[in-house]
C-alpha cells in the first residue's frame, strides 16, 4: 500500500493525519473528474486549499496520491466479496453481495469513477494488484461458487463471469449515474432507484441461478 511521505516519520501527529486526508479528498475530487493524466498537482493543491510545497511534504508525487486512493478503493470494494461464505445459503450470500455493491455505488460514486478511469487507461498503476491480490481473491470466491454448483444449490454457470456481471451491473449506477437519472426522469431518479435496482438484480441473478425443483 502507498505510504504518505509524512507517515514515514517516527511519530505522526493528528494534524499530519488530517492533512493527508484533506489532500486525498481533494485528489479524489480531481482524479474522479479528470482522470490521472488530466490531473495536476497544482489542481489538487488548489482544491485542498494548501500550497503546492505543503502538499508535496505529504505526498512527493501525483502517482503517490493516486496509488494511495486506488489501494483504499480496492480494499473497501473487495470487502463484500471477502464475506462470501461457502457454508452460507447462496441466495442470501448473492443477495447481500448485490445490495452491498449497490450501497457502495450510491455512497462512493467518486471512488467508482476513479477506478473506472484507471481501467480505461489500461490499469498502468495497479496492474500488479489486479494480477496479484485481486485475482487471488476472485479465484478463492470462484471456488466457493463452484462448491455451490457441485452441491446443486445453484445451476451450472461460469463463476468468474457471474462475479464480473454483478460488478458491471451494480457499478453502472455509479459510473453512469447521469445517464440513469436522465432516462428514469425526475419522478424515478431519487435514492429509491437503488432499491428498485436491487430488487431487479436480485430477481435477475437469484432467479437465474435457482435450480429447477419441478422435476421437469
Protein backbone atom coordinates (compact mmCIF):
# COMPACT_ATOMS: atom_id res chain seq x y z
CA UNK A 1 0.00 0.00 0.00
CA UNK A 2 1.25 3.50 -0.83
CA UNK A 3 2.58 5.30 2.26
CA UNK A 4 2.39 9.09 2.53
CA UNK A 5 5.75 10.76 2.97
CA UNK A 6 4.75 12.20 6.34
CA UNK A 7 3.74 8.74 7.54
CA UNK A 8 7.38 7.70 7.37
CA UNK A 9 8.28 9.97 10.26
CA UNK A 10 8.70 8.30 13.63
CA UNK A 11 5.57 9.86 15.09
CA UNK A 12 2.60 11.10 13.11
CA UNK A 13 0.58 13.86 14.67
CA UNK A 14 -3.17 14.28 14.44
CA UNK A 15 -2.57 17.32 12.22
CA UNK A 16 -0.47 15.25 9.82
CA UNK A 17 -3.20 12.63 9.56
CA UNK A 18 -5.83 15.30 8.97
CA UNK A 19 -3.71 16.94 6.27
CA UNK A 20 -3.21 13.62 4.50
CA UNK A 21 -6.96 13.03 4.47
CA UNK A 22 -7.56 16.58 3.25
CA UNK A 23 -5.15 16.01 0.36
CA UNK A 24 -6.60 12.62 -0.54
CA UNK A 25 -10.14 14.02 -0.52
CA UNK A 26 -9.04 16.77 -2.90
CA UNK A 27 -7.14 14.29 -5.07
CA UNK A 28 -10.22 12.08 -5.25
CA UNK A 29 -12.30 15.03 -6.46
CA UNK A 30 -9.78 15.86 -9.16
CA UNK A 31 -8.89 12.34 -10.30
CA UNK A 32 -12.52 11.20 -10.46
CA UNK A 33 -13.35 14.05 -12.85
CA UNK A 34 -10.16 14.45 -14.91
CA UNK A 35 -8.53 11.04 -14.63
CA UNK A 36 -4.87 10.55 -13.75
CA UNK A 37 -3.45 12.00 -16.96
CA UNK A 38 -5.69 15.06 -16.92
CA UNK A 39 -4.95 15.95 -13.31
CA UNK A 40 -2.12 18.06 -11.94
CA UNK A 41 -0.60 18.58 -8.52
CA UNK A 42 -1.46 22.27 -8.82
CA UNK A 43 -5.15 21.40 -9.28
CA UNK A 44 -5.12 19.10 -6.28
CA UNK A 45 -3.35 21.69 -4.11
CA UNK A 46 -5.92 24.31 -5.09
CA UNK A 47 -8.86 22.04 -4.23
CA UNK A 48 -7.15 21.07 -0.96
CA UNK A 49 -6.67 24.74 -0.10
CA UNK A 50 -2.95 24.48 0.51
CA UNK A 51 0.28 25.42 -1.21
CA UNK A 52 1.98 23.05 -3.59
CA UNK A 53 5.14 22.80 -1.42
CA UNK A 54 2.99 21.98 1.60
CA UNK A 55 1.16 19.26 -0.32
CA UNK A 56 4.45 17.79 -1.56
CA UNK A 57 5.62 17.42 2.03
CA UNK A 58 2.91 14.79 2.48
CA UNK A 59 2.92 13.20 -0.97
CA UNK A 60 6.02 13.55 -3.16
CA UNK A 61 4.22 12.80 -6.44
CA UNK A 62 0.86 12.66 -8.15
CA UNK A 63 1.43 8.91 -8.50
CA UNK A 64 1.71 8.52 -4.72
CA UNK A 65 -1.67 10.18 -4.13
CA UNK A 66 -3.31 8.18 -6.89
CA UNK A 67 -1.93 4.88 -5.63
CA UNK A 68 -2.99 5.61 -2.06
CA UNK A 69 -6.54 6.23 -3.28
CA UNK A 70 -6.63 3.13 -5.50
CA UNK A 71 -5.30 0.97 -2.66
CA UNK A 72 -8.08 2.25 -0.41
CA UNK A 73 -10.78 1.81 -3.03
CA UNK A 74 -9.79 -1.76 -3.82
CA UNK A 75 -9.58 -2.74 -0.18
CA UNK A 76 -13.01 -1.31 0.65
CA UNK A 77 -14.71 -2.50 -2.53
CA UNK A 78 -13.50 -6.06 -2.15
CA UNK A 79 -14.69 -6.35 1.44
CA UNK A 80 -18.18 -7.59 0.41
CA UNK A 81 -16.60 -10.26 -1.80
CA UNK A 82 -14.36 -11.38 1.05
CA UNK A 83 -17.54 -12.03 3.04
CA UNK A 84 -18.75 -14.67 0.54
CA UNK A 85 -19.15 -17.78 2.72
CA UNK A 86 -19.03 -21.29 1.27
CA UNK A 87 -21.16 -22.51 4.18
CA UNK A 88 -23.79 -19.82 3.66
CA UNK A 89 -27.00 -20.01 1.68
CA UNK A 90 -26.15 -19.00 -1.91
CA UNK A 91 -29.29 -16.91 -2.36
CA UNK A 92 -28.62 -14.98 0.85
CA UNK A 93 -24.94 -14.54 0.02
CA UNK A 94 -25.62 -13.28 -3.52
CA UNK A 95 -28.47 -11.03 -2.39
CA UNK A 96 -26.26 -9.49 0.30
CA UNK A 97 -23.42 -9.01 -2.19
CA UNK A 98 -25.66 -7.26 -4.73
CA UNK A 99 -27.07 -4.92 -2.10
CA UNK A 100 -23.69 -4.06 -0.61
CA UNK A 101 -22.28 -3.32 -4.05
CA UNK A 102 -25.23 -1.04 -4.83
CA UNK A 103 -24.81 0.72 -1.50
CA UNK A 104 -21.21 1.40 -2.42
CA UNK A 105 -22.25 2.67 -5.87
CA UNK A 106 -24.67 5.04 -4.13
CA UNK A 107 -22.31 6.20 -1.37
CA UNK A 108 -18.95 6.25 -3.20
CA UNK A 109 -19.51 7.39 -6.80
CA UNK A 110 -16.21 9.31 -6.96
CA UNK A 111 -14.26 6.20 -5.97
CA UNK A 112 -16.07 4.18 -8.63
CA UNK A 113 -15.23 6.72 -11.33
CA UNK A 114 -11.61 6.85 -10.14
CA UNK A 115 -11.29 3.10 -10.57
CA UNK A 116 -13.15 3.10 -13.90
CA UNK A 117 -10.81 5.79 -15.25
CA UNK A 118 -7.81 3.71 -14.26
CA UNK A 119 -9.22 0.64 -16.03
CA UNK A 120 -9.99 2.63 -19.19
CA UNK A 121 -6.35 3.73 -19.28
CA UNK A 122 -5.18 0.11 -19.15
CA UNK A 123 -4.56 0.00 -15.38
CA UNK A 124 -0.98 1.33 -15.68
CA UNK A 125 -0.68 1.99 -11.94
CA UNK A 126 -2.45 -1.04 -10.47
CA UNK A 127 -1.92 -3.93 -12.86
CA UNK A 128 0.22 -5.66 -10.24
CA UNK A 129 -2.68 -5.52 -7.78
CA UNK A 130 -5.14 -6.85 -10.35
CA UNK A 131 -2.91 -9.79 -11.23
CA UNK A 132 -2.00 -10.41 -7.60
CA UNK A 133 -4.33 -9.81 -4.62
CA UNK A 134 -7.45 -9.20 -6.71
CA UNK A 135 -7.02 -12.33 -8.81
CA UNK A 136 -6.26 -14.41 -5.72
CA UNK A 137 -9.46 -13.26 -4.03
CA UNK A 138 -11.61 -13.83 -7.12
CA UNK A 139 -10.07 -17.30 -7.59
CA UNK A 140 -10.94 -18.09 -3.98
CA UNK A 141 -14.56 -16.95 -4.33
CA UNK A 142 -14.95 -18.65 -7.70
CA UNK A 143 -14.12 -21.86 -5.83
CA UNK A 144 -16.92 -21.05 -3.36
CA UNK A 145 -19.38 -20.68 -6.25
CA UNK A 146 -18.18 -23.99 -7.73
CA UNK A 147 -18.91 -25.61 -4.36
CA UNK A 148 -22.48 -24.32 -4.53
CA UNK A 149 -22.81 -25.62 -8.10
CA UNK A 150 -21.41 -29.03 -7.21
CA UNK A 151 -23.82 -29.39 -4.29
CA UNK A 152 -26.78 -28.48 -6.52
CA UNK A 153 -27.57 -25.25 -4.69
CA UNK A 154 -27.33 -23.16 -7.88
CA UNK A 155 -27.38 -24.02 -11.57
CA UNK A 156 -24.17 -24.53 -13.52
CA UNK A 157 -22.53 -21.26 -14.52
CA UNK A 158 -19.12 -19.72 -15.02
CA UNK A 159 -18.22 -18.30 -11.58
CA UNK A 160 -15.90 -15.65 -12.96
CA UNK A 161 -18.47 -14.25 -15.34
CA UNK A 162 -21.06 -14.30 -12.58
CA UNK A 163 -18.80 -12.10 -10.45
CA UNK A 164 -17.98 -9.84 -13.43
CA UNK A 165 -21.69 -9.46 -14.18
CA UNK A 166 -22.50 -8.41 -10.63
CA UNK A 167 -19.65 -5.91 -10.72
CA UNK A 168 -20.76 -4.38 -14.01
CA UNK A 169 -24.48 -4.16 -13.25
CA UNK A 170 -24.03 -2.63 -9.79
CA UNK A 171 -21.20 -0.22 -10.63
CA UNK A 172 -23.22 1.03 -13.60
CA UNK A 173 -25.31 3.01 -11.12
CA UNK A 174 -22.21 4.98 -10.06
CA UNK A 175 -20.26 5.28 -13.31
CA UNK A 176 -23.31 6.12 -15.45
CA UNK A 177 -25.36 7.89 -12.79
CA UNK A 178 -26.10 10.89 -15.02
CA UNK A 179 -27.45 8.62 -17.74
CA UNK A 180 -29.52 6.56 -15.28
CA UNK A 181 -31.14 9.65 -13.76
CA UNK A 182 -31.76 11.25 -17.16
CA UNK A 183 -33.50 8.17 -18.54
CA UNK A 184 -35.53 7.47 -15.41
CA UNK A 185 -36.70 11.08 -15.17
CA UNK A 186 -37.21 13.19 -12.08
CA UNK A 187 -40.06 11.05 -10.75
CA UNK A 188 -37.92 7.90 -10.50
CA UNK A 189 -34.37 9.24 -10.15
CA UNK A 190 -34.25 9.71 -6.37
CA UNK A 191 -32.45 7.40 -3.96
CA UNK A 192 -35.28 4.93 -4.43
CA UNK A 193 -33.69 3.98 -7.75
CA UNK A 194 -31.11 1.95 -5.85
CA UNK A 195 -33.80 -0.09 -4.11
CA UNK A 196 -35.52 -0.61 -7.46
CA UNK A 197 -32.20 -1.72 -8.93
CA UNK A 198 -31.57 -4.09 -6.02
CA UNK A 199 -34.94 -5.79 -6.42
CA UNK A 200 -34.45 -6.17 -10.17
CA UNK A 201 -30.89 -7.51 -9.89
CA UNK A 202 -31.92 -9.95 -7.18
CA UNK A 203 -34.64 -11.25 -9.48
CA UNK A 204 -32.23 -11.40 -12.40
CA UNK A 205 -29.36 -13.19 -10.68
CA UNK A 206 -31.07 -15.25 -7.99
CA UNK A 207 -33.93 -16.25 -10.26
CA UNK A 208 -31.48 -17.23 -12.97
CA UNK A 209 -29.31 -19.26 -10.61
CA UNK A 210 -32.09 -21.05 -8.73
CA UNK A 211 -32.26 -24.75 -9.67
CA UNK A 212 -35.48 -26.05 -11.21
CA UNK A 213 -37.04 -28.21 -8.50
CA UNK A 214 -40.13 -29.08 -10.51
CA UNK A 215 -38.60 -32.26 -11.88
CA UNK A 216 -39.48 -31.31 -15.43
